[in-house]
C-alpha cells in the first residue's frame, strides 16, 4: 500500500483529502499507512526524533519510545551471536536490516560481526532516519548501504527489530453479533475524524467465542511481507523481533479491545485518530500468522520461536555482561525481565532450505504453541 503525496499543508488537510477521494471512508489500514508514512508529514517521514530515552529526572523530552538496542548495546551483541551462526550455516556474508531506527542496532551488529560480513544493507523509507543512521554508522564507511526495497534474489541474513508492529492493520469490530471493518470518516458537522464501521467479509483467523462486542486486528500486510521474504531469500535466514502473541492468545475472547496503541513522549494512548503524524501507531504481532505465511512459501519455514528473554539467554547475554558496570547490567536486565521486555517480546527465526539447530532457540523453543 502506498501513500499519496499531498500539496496540502497540514496532516488534517491531507487526511481530509484522502478520505474525500475514497468516498468519505477509508479503512484503518489506509489511515495508519498515511499517519505513519505519508511523505512530508507522516510520523516516520517527518523527522528522526522518535527514538530515544527520556532524560533522567525529566517529565518530558527525549524520544517517544525506546527500543531494545537503545536500551542496551548488549542486545545487539547477543543477537550477533545468532546472526554469526546463521551466516556460517547459510554460507552468506551479508546482513539486511529492515527499519533500522536510530541505527543503534546496526552499529552493534557491525561492531560484533566485524569481518564475518562484507556488507550491511538497510531498508528504511524515512529520509530523516536515514540521515541519523548515516551519522551513527559513518565509521563503517562503504560497508553500509541504503536501499528502498529488496532485490528479486537475496543471499543474506535478514533482521527486523520492531518492524512488524508498525505495518498497517485492518480493524475488525463485532457488534450485535455482526462483523464490520472499522474505518475512518469525517463528521459532517465538525469535519473531525470519527470511527465508522462497514459490514465486511473479513474475519479473524479464529472464531471468537461468545456474543460480546469485540475489537481486533488482522495483519495481511505483515504476512505478505513474510511471504515476500520467503520468495526472495535464495539462501539465508531471517530473525524478526517484536511484541505479540501466538494466535490463541491474540484472539482470546477476553482481549476484546484489540491491541492498537499510540506512543508519544514515553506515554501511551489508545486514540490513533487524534494528532495523526505526531505519534507512533502500533499493533501487536500475531506470530502464528507470521509462521503460517512463511510456511506457505515452498522451501521456507520456521527455525524457532521463543521469548526475547530466552533467546538472549541462549545467545549468551549473561556471559557478555561479565565485566559490565552496574548501570550497564541494570539496563540489560530490562531486556530479560518479564514485566519489562523479556516476555511480551518474541523472536521468530525463518530459514531457507534445510533447518539447523539455531543457538537462540536451543532452550525454551515455543514453536509448538504457534
Protein backbone atom coordinates (compact mmCIF):
# COMPACT_ATOMS: atom_id res chain seq x y z
CA UNK A 1 0.00 0.00 0.00
CA UNK A 2 1.38 3.41 -0.95
CA UNK A 3 0.66 6.85 0.41
CA UNK A 4 -0.25 9.68 -1.91
CA UNK A 5 1.85 12.85 -1.72
CA UNK A 6 -0.32 15.87 -0.96
CA UNK A 7 0.21 19.54 -1.66
CA UNK A 8 -1.86 20.47 1.39
CA UNK A 9 -0.06 22.00 4.33
CA UNK A 10 -1.33 20.07 7.35
CA UNK A 11 -1.99 16.45 8.31
CA UNK A 12 -5.67 17.30 8.81
CA UNK A 13 -5.94 18.68 5.28
CA UNK A 14 -4.04 15.75 3.82
CA UNK A 15 -6.25 13.17 5.55
CA UNK A 16 -9.41 15.07 4.61
CA UNK A 17 -8.25 14.94 1.01
CA UNK A 18 -7.52 11.19 1.14
CA UNK A 19 -10.85 10.38 2.81
CA UNK A 20 -12.69 12.54 0.27
CA UNK A 21 -11.02 10.78 -2.66
CA UNK A 22 -12.21 7.44 -1.29
CA UNK A 23 -15.87 8.34 -1.00
CA UNK A 24 -15.81 9.62 2.57
CA UNK A 25 -14.40 6.48 4.23
CA UNK A 26 -11.04 4.72 4.45
CA UNK A 27 -10.12 1.52 6.23
CA UNK A 28 -7.94 1.83 9.29
CA UNK A 29 -5.09 0.21 7.38
CA UNK A 30 -5.06 3.14 4.95
CA UNK A 31 -5.35 5.64 7.81
CA UNK A 32 -2.42 4.01 9.64
CA UNK A 33 -0.36 3.99 6.44
CA UNK A 34 -0.93 7.72 5.94
CA UNK A 35 -0.40 8.65 9.59
CA UNK A 36 2.93 6.81 9.75
CA UNK A 37 4.41 7.11 6.25
CA UNK A 38 2.78 9.92 4.22
CA UNK A 39 5.54 11.99 2.59
CA UNK A 40 6.20 15.21 4.44
CA UNK A 41 4.02 14.72 7.50
CA UNK A 42 3.73 11.00 8.38
CA UNK A 43 5.25 10.07 11.73
CA UNK A 44 8.20 8.21 10.25
CA UNK A 45 8.60 10.61 7.33
CA UNK A 46 8.77 13.91 9.19
CA UNK A 47 11.98 13.57 11.17
CA UNK A 48 14.25 11.47 13.35
CA UNK A 49 13.25 12.31 16.92
CA UNK A 50 11.16 9.20 17.53
CA UNK A 51 13.79 7.03 19.18
CA UNK A 52 15.50 7.72 22.48
CA UNK A 53 15.16 7.53 26.25
CA UNK A 54 13.64 10.27 28.37
CA UNK A 55 16.39 12.32 30.06
CA UNK A 56 16.94 11.21 33.66
CA UNK A 57 14.63 13.04 36.04
CA UNK A 58 12.76 14.84 33.27
CA UNK A 59 9.00 14.70 32.84
CA UNK A 60 9.30 15.33 29.10
CA UNK A 61 11.92 15.38 26.37
CA UNK A 62 13.89 12.75 24.53
CA UNK A 63 12.23 10.50 22.00
CA UNK A 64 8.76 8.99 22.00
CA UNK A 65 9.85 5.46 22.87
CA UNK A 66 12.97 3.40 23.36
CA UNK A 67 13.74 0.10 21.65
CA UNK A 68 16.00 -2.66 22.94
CA UNK A 69 19.17 -1.51 21.10
CA UNK A 70 18.84 2.00 22.58
CA UNK A 71 18.22 0.47 25.99
CA UNK A 72 21.37 -1.66 25.99
CA UNK A 73 24.20 -2.32 23.50
CA UNK A 74 24.27 -5.90 24.79
CA UNK A 75 21.04 -6.57 22.87
CA UNK A 76 22.86 -6.29 19.55
CA UNK A 77 25.92 -8.13 20.81
CA UNK A 78 23.80 -11.10 21.87
CA UNK A 79 21.80 -11.05 18.64
CA UNK A 80 25.08 -11.02 16.73
CA UNK A 81 25.90 -14.46 18.19
CA UNK A 82 22.84 -15.87 16.46
CA UNK A 83 23.48 -13.96 13.24
CA UNK A 84 27.08 -15.19 13.11
CA UNK A 85 25.87 -18.77 13.33
CA UNK A 86 23.22 -18.13 10.66
CA UNK A 87 25.76 -16.56 8.32
CA UNK A 88 28.04 -19.58 8.69
CA UNK A 89 25.22 -22.12 8.33
CA UNK A 90 23.84 -20.49 5.18
CA UNK A 91 27.23 -19.59 3.69
CA UNK A 92 26.29 -15.92 3.32
CA UNK A 93 28.22 -12.74 4.09
CA UNK A 94 25.55 -10.04 4.10
CA UNK A 95 23.09 -8.75 6.69
CA UNK A 96 19.97 -6.84 5.68
CA UNK A 97 18.07 -4.83 8.30
CA UNK A 98 14.53 -3.51 7.87
CA UNK A 99 13.56 -0.34 9.71
CA UNK A 100 16.91 0.46 11.30
CA UNK A 101 15.55 3.25 13.50
CA UNK A 102 18.31 5.26 15.10
CA UNK A 103 21.00 2.95 13.68
CA UNK A 104 21.90 1.67 17.14
CA UNK A 105 21.28 -1.99 16.32
CA UNK A 106 23.21 -1.74 13.06
CA UNK A 107 26.18 -0.26 14.90
CA UNK A 108 26.10 -3.04 17.49
CA UNK A 109 25.84 -5.80 14.88
CA UNK A 110 28.54 -4.31 12.65
CA UNK A 111 30.88 -3.98 15.60
CA UNK A 112 30.25 -7.51 16.81
CA UNK A 113 30.26 -9.29 13.43
CA UNK A 114 33.27 -7.43 12.03
CA UNK A 115 34.92 -9.33 9.16
CA UNK A 116 32.21 -12.03 9.17
CA UNK A 117 30.17 -9.80 6.83
CA UNK A 118 31.10 -7.95 3.67
CA UNK A 119 28.11 -5.65 3.55
CA UNK A 120 25.28 -4.37 5.75
CA UNK A 121 22.21 -3.14 3.89
CA UNK A 122 19.45 -1.06 5.45
CA UNK A 123 15.93 -0.78 4.05
CA UNK A 124 14.36 2.35 5.57
CA UNK A 125 11.94 4.71 3.84
CA UNK A 126 12.36 7.64 6.27
CA UNK A 127 14.76 10.28 4.95
CA UNK A 128 15.18 11.73 8.44
CA UNK A 129 16.04 8.38 9.97
CA UNK A 130 18.39 7.55 7.11
CA UNK A 131 20.33 10.73 7.83
CA UNK A 132 20.58 9.85 11.51
CA UNK A 133 21.70 6.33 10.60
CA UNK A 134 24.39 7.69 8.26
CA UNK A 135 25.82 9.76 11.10
CA UNK A 136 25.70 6.85 13.55
CA UNK A 137 27.30 4.42 11.10
CA UNK A 138 29.79 6.74 9.39
CA UNK A 139 32.76 4.91 10.90
CA UNK A 140 31.84 1.75 8.99
CA UNK A 141 32.23 3.52 5.66
CA UNK A 142 31.21 1.81 2.42
CA UNK A 143 30.38 -1.43 4.24
CA UNK A 144 26.91 0.07 4.89
CA UNK A 145 24.44 0.99 2.19
CA UNK A 146 20.79 2.04 1.98
CA UNK A 147 18.16 0.79 -0.47
CA UNK A 148 14.41 1.26 -0.89
CA UNK A 149 13.41 -2.38 -1.37
CA UNK A 150 14.56 -5.97 -1.53
CA UNK A 151 16.10 -7.31 -4.74
CA UNK A 152 14.40 -10.14 -6.59
CA UNK A 153 17.00 -12.59 -5.25
CA UNK A 154 18.75 -12.32 -1.92
CA UNK A 155 21.55 -14.25 -0.26
CA UNK A 156 21.75 -12.84 3.25
CA UNK A 157 20.58 -12.98 6.83
CA UNK A 158 17.69 -10.57 7.42
CA UNK A 159 16.90 -8.90 10.74
CA UNK A 160 13.94 -6.75 11.77
CA UNK A 161 13.51 -5.35 15.28
CA UNK A 162 10.07 -3.81 15.92
CA UNK A 163 9.20 -3.70 12.23
CA UNK A 164 6.09 -5.87 12.02
CA UNK A 165 4.22 -3.90 14.69
CA UNK A 166 4.42 -0.75 12.55
CA UNK A 167 2.84 -2.38 9.50
CA UNK A 168 -0.76 -1.20 8.92
CA UNK A 169 -3.54 -3.49 10.10
CA UNK A 170 -7.25 -3.89 9.35
CA UNK A 171 -9.54 -3.31 12.32
CA UNK A 172 -12.46 -5.72 12.74
CA UNK A 173 -15.31 -4.96 15.11
CA UNK A 174 -18.05 -7.38 16.11
CA UNK A 175 -21.17 -5.55 17.21
CA UNK A 176 -24.51 -7.21 17.86
CA UNK A 177 -23.04 -10.44 16.53
CA UNK A 178 -22.17 -8.90 13.13
CA UNK A 179 -18.60 -8.32 11.93
CA UNK A 180 -17.65 -4.94 10.48
CA UNK A 181 -14.46 -3.37 9.22
CA UNK A 182 -13.73 -0.29 11.29
CA UNK A 183 -12.55 2.67 9.27
CA UNK A 184 -12.27 6.42 9.42
CA UNK A 185 -14.72 9.02 8.13
CA UNK A 186 -15.35 12.74 8.67
CA UNK A 187 -18.10 14.04 10.93
CA UNK A 188 -20.37 16.07 8.62
CA UNK A 189 -20.93 18.72 11.27
CA UNK A 190 -17.45 19.29 12.67
CA UNK A 191 -15.22 17.80 9.98
CA UNK A 192 -13.38 15.84 12.67
CA UNK A 193 -12.20 12.30 12.07
CA UNK A 194 -14.55 9.68 13.51
CA UNK A 195 -14.78 5.90 13.55
CA UNK A 196 -17.16 4.39 11.02
CA UNK A 197 -17.95 0.69 10.62
CA UNK A 198 -18.94 -1.14 7.45
CA UNK A 199 -20.09 -4.76 7.04
CA UNK A 200 -17.24 -6.96 5.81
CA UNK A 201 -16.43 -10.49 4.77
CA UNK A 202 -13.12 -10.25 6.67
CA UNK A 203 -12.86 -12.40 9.80
CA UNK A 204 -10.25 -13.12 12.44
CA UNK A 205 -8.39 -16.38 11.75
CA UNK A 206 -10.02 -17.95 14.82
CA UNK A 207 -13.68 -17.91 15.81
CA UNK A 208 -14.13 -15.62 18.82
CA UNK A 209 -16.34 -17.44 21.29
CA UNK A 210 -19.14 -15.55 22.98
CA UNK A 211 -21.57 -12.91 21.76
CA UNK A 212 -19.99 -9.83 23.33
CA UNK A 213 -18.75 -6.89 21.27
CA UNK A 214 -15.18 -7.46 20.17
CA UNK A 215 -12.47 -5.37 18.51
CA UNK A 216 -9.34 -6.88 16.97
CA UNK A 217 -6.92 -6.71 14.06
CA UNK A 218 -5.86 -8.80 11.10
CA UNK A 219 -2.42 -8.43 9.52
CA UNK A 220 -2.36 -9.06 5.75
CA UNK A 221 0.48 -6.60 5.16
CA UNK A 222 2.84 -8.14 7.73
CA UNK A 223 2.03 -11.63 6.48
CA UNK A 224 2.58 -10.51 2.89
CA UNK A 225 5.95 -9.11 3.93
CA UNK A 226 6.95 -12.51 5.33
CA UNK A 227 5.85 -14.26 2.14
CA UNK A 228 7.92 -11.76 0.16
CA UNK A 229 10.97 -12.62 2.29
CA UNK A 230 10.38 -16.28 1.60
CA UNK A 231 10.06 -15.69 -2.14
CA UNK A 232 13.23 -13.61 -2.39
CA UNK A 233 15.66 -15.22 0.05
CA UNK A 234 17.56 -17.64 -2.17
CA UNK A 235 19.98 -18.58 0.60
CA UNK A 236 19.88 -17.30 4.14
CA UNK A 237 17.61 -16.78 7.14
CA UNK A 238 15.56 -14.10 8.88
CA UNK A 239 15.08 -13.11 12.53
CA UNK A 240 12.13 -10.90 13.46
CA UNK A 241 11.78 -9.47 16.98
CA UNK A 242 8.60 -7.80 18.17
CA UNK A 243 5.87 -7.76 20.78
CA UNK A 244 2.95 -10.07 20.24
CA UNK A 245 1.34 -13.43 20.84
CA UNK A 246 0.52 -16.74 19.21
CA UNK A 247 -2.93 -16.84 17.63
CA UNK A 248 -4.83 -18.41 20.53
CA UNK A 249 -3.62 -15.69 22.89
CA UNK A 250 -4.05 -12.89 20.36
CA UNK A 251 -7.69 -13.73 19.69
CA UNK A 252 -8.60 -14.70 23.23
CA UNK A 253 -12.25 -13.85 23.99
CA UNK A 254 -11.14 -11.55 26.81
CA UNK A 255 -8.85 -9.49 24.55
CA UNK A 256 -11.91 -7.61 23.36
CA UNK A 257 -10.40 -4.14 22.87
CA UNK A 258 -7.70 -5.07 20.37
CA UNK A 259 -4.03 -4.11 20.62
CA UNK A 260 -3.70 -0.84 18.67
CA UNK A 261 -1.74 1.66 20.75
CA UNK A 262 -0.05 5.03 20.26
CA UNK A 263 3.27 6.24 21.69
CA UNK A 264 4.45 9.79 22.22
CA UNK A 265 6.84 11.26 24.76
CA UNK A 266 7.14 7.87 26.51
CA UNK A 267 3.41 7.90 27.14
CA UNK A 268 0.77 5.63 25.64
CA UNK A 269 -2.77 6.33 24.48
CA UNK A 270 -5.41 4.38 22.58
CA UNK A 271 -6.71 7.11 20.24
CA UNK A 272 -4.94 6.95 16.88
CA UNK A 273 -7.36 9.43 15.29
CA UNK A 274 -6.01 12.35 17.30
CA UNK A 275 -2.74 14.12 16.42
CA UNK A 276 -2.08 11.99 13.34
CA UNK A 277 1.54 12.24 12.28
CA UNK A 278 2.71 13.32 15.72
CA UNK A 279 2.75 9.92 17.40
CA UNK A 280 3.55 6.31 16.67
CA UNK A 281 0.73 3.84 15.99
CA UNK A 282 1.35 0.14 16.53
CA UNK A 283 -0.42 -3.19 16.83
CA UNK A 284 0.85 -6.39 18.41
CA UNK A 285 2.02 -9.18 16.12
CA UNK A 286 0.14 -12.42 15.52
CA UNK A 287 3.13 -14.75 15.36
CA UNK A 288 1.03 -17.70 14.23
CA UNK A 289 0.11 -15.70 11.14
CA UNK A 290 3.79 -14.94 10.57
CA UNK A 291 4.69 -18.63 10.82
CA UNK A 292 1.88 -19.76 8.52
CA UNK A 293 2.80 -17.11 5.95
CA UNK A 294 6.39 -18.39 5.95
CA UNK A 295 5.26 -21.98 5.53
CA UNK A 296 3.15 -21.06 2.50
CA UNK A 297 6.38 -20.47 0.57
CA UNK A 298 8.00 -23.71 -0.67
CA UNK A 299 11.36 -24.29 0.97
CA UNK A 300 10.81 -21.58 3.61
CA UNK A 301 9.90 -22.36 7.20
CA UNK A 302 10.17 -21.65 10.90
CA UNK A 303 13.55 -22.16 12.55
CA UNK A 304 12.30 -21.38 16.06
CA UNK A 305 10.11 -19.14 18.17
CA UNK A 306 10.62 -18.05 21.76
CA UNK A 307 10.54 -15.12 24.16
CA UNK A 308 13.13 -12.40 23.87
CA UNK A 309 14.47 -13.26 27.33
CA UNK A 310 15.04 -16.92 26.47
CA UNK A 311 16.53 -16.04 23.08
CA UNK A 312 19.06 -13.60 24.57
CA UNK A 313 19.98 -16.02 27.34
CA UNK A 314 20.54 -18.75 24.76
CA UNK A 315 22.80 -16.36 22.86
CA UNK A 316 24.97 -15.85 25.95
CA UNK A 317 23.82 -12.47 27.19
CA UNK A 318 24.81 -13.17 30.77
CA UNK A 319 28.38 -14.10 29.83
CA UNK A 320 28.59 -10.98 27.65
CA UNK A 321 27.82 -8.94 30.77
CA UNK A 322 30.96 -10.16 32.54
CA UNK A 323 32.91 -7.01 33.44
CA UNK A 324 29.96 -4.69 32.70
CA UNK A 325 29.21 -1.87 35.09
CA UNK A 326 26.25 -1.95 37.47
CA UNK A 327 24.43 0.60 35.30
CA UNK A 328 25.02 -1.50 32.18
CA UNK A 329 23.81 -4.64 33.93
CA UNK A 330 20.70 -2.87 35.20
CA UNK A 331 19.69 -1.74 31.71
CA UNK A 332 20.47 -5.14 30.20
CA UNK A 333 18.27 -6.81 32.80
CA UNK A 334 15.28 -4.92 31.37
CA UNK A 335 15.72 -6.93 28.19
CA UNK A 336 15.06 -10.08 30.25
CA UNK A 337 12.56 -9.11 32.93
CA UNK A 338 9.08 -10.48 32.43
CA UNK A 339 7.40 -7.18 33.34
CA UNK A 340 9.71 -5.21 31.02
CA UNK A 341 10.60 -6.66 27.58
CA UNK A 342 11.53 -10.24 28.35
CA UNK A 343 8.18 -11.98 27.93
CA UNK A 344 5.98 -9.71 25.78
CA UNK A 345 8.68 -9.52 23.08
CA UNK A 346 9.20 -12.63 20.99
CA UNK A 347 11.74 -13.76 18.40
CA UNK A 348 10.87 -15.87 15.38
CA UNK A 349 13.53 -17.34 13.11
CA UNK A 350 12.84 -18.26 9.49
CA UNK A 351 15.04 -20.34 7.20
CA UNK A 352 15.52 -21.28 3.56
CA UNK A 353 16.43 -24.85 2.65
CA UNK A 354 17.26 -27.35 5.39
CA UNK A 355 16.65 -26.41 9.06
CA UNK A 356 19.51 -26.35 11.56
CA UNK A 357 19.84 -26.09 15.34
CA UNK A 358 19.79 -22.35 15.97
CA UNK A 359 21.52 -21.13 19.13
CA UNK A 360 18.76 -18.68 20.01
CA UNK A 361 16.12 -21.42 20.25
CA UNK A 362 18.28 -24.12 21.87
CA UNK A 363 16.20 -23.98 25.06
CA UNK A 364 12.64 -22.82 25.54
CA UNK A 365 11.55 -23.08 21.92
CA UNK A 366 7.79 -22.40 21.71
CA UNK A 367 7.18 -23.24 18.06
CA UNK A 368 4.64 -25.84 19.21
CA UNK A 369 2.45 -23.03 20.63
CA UNK A 370 2.01 -21.27 17.29
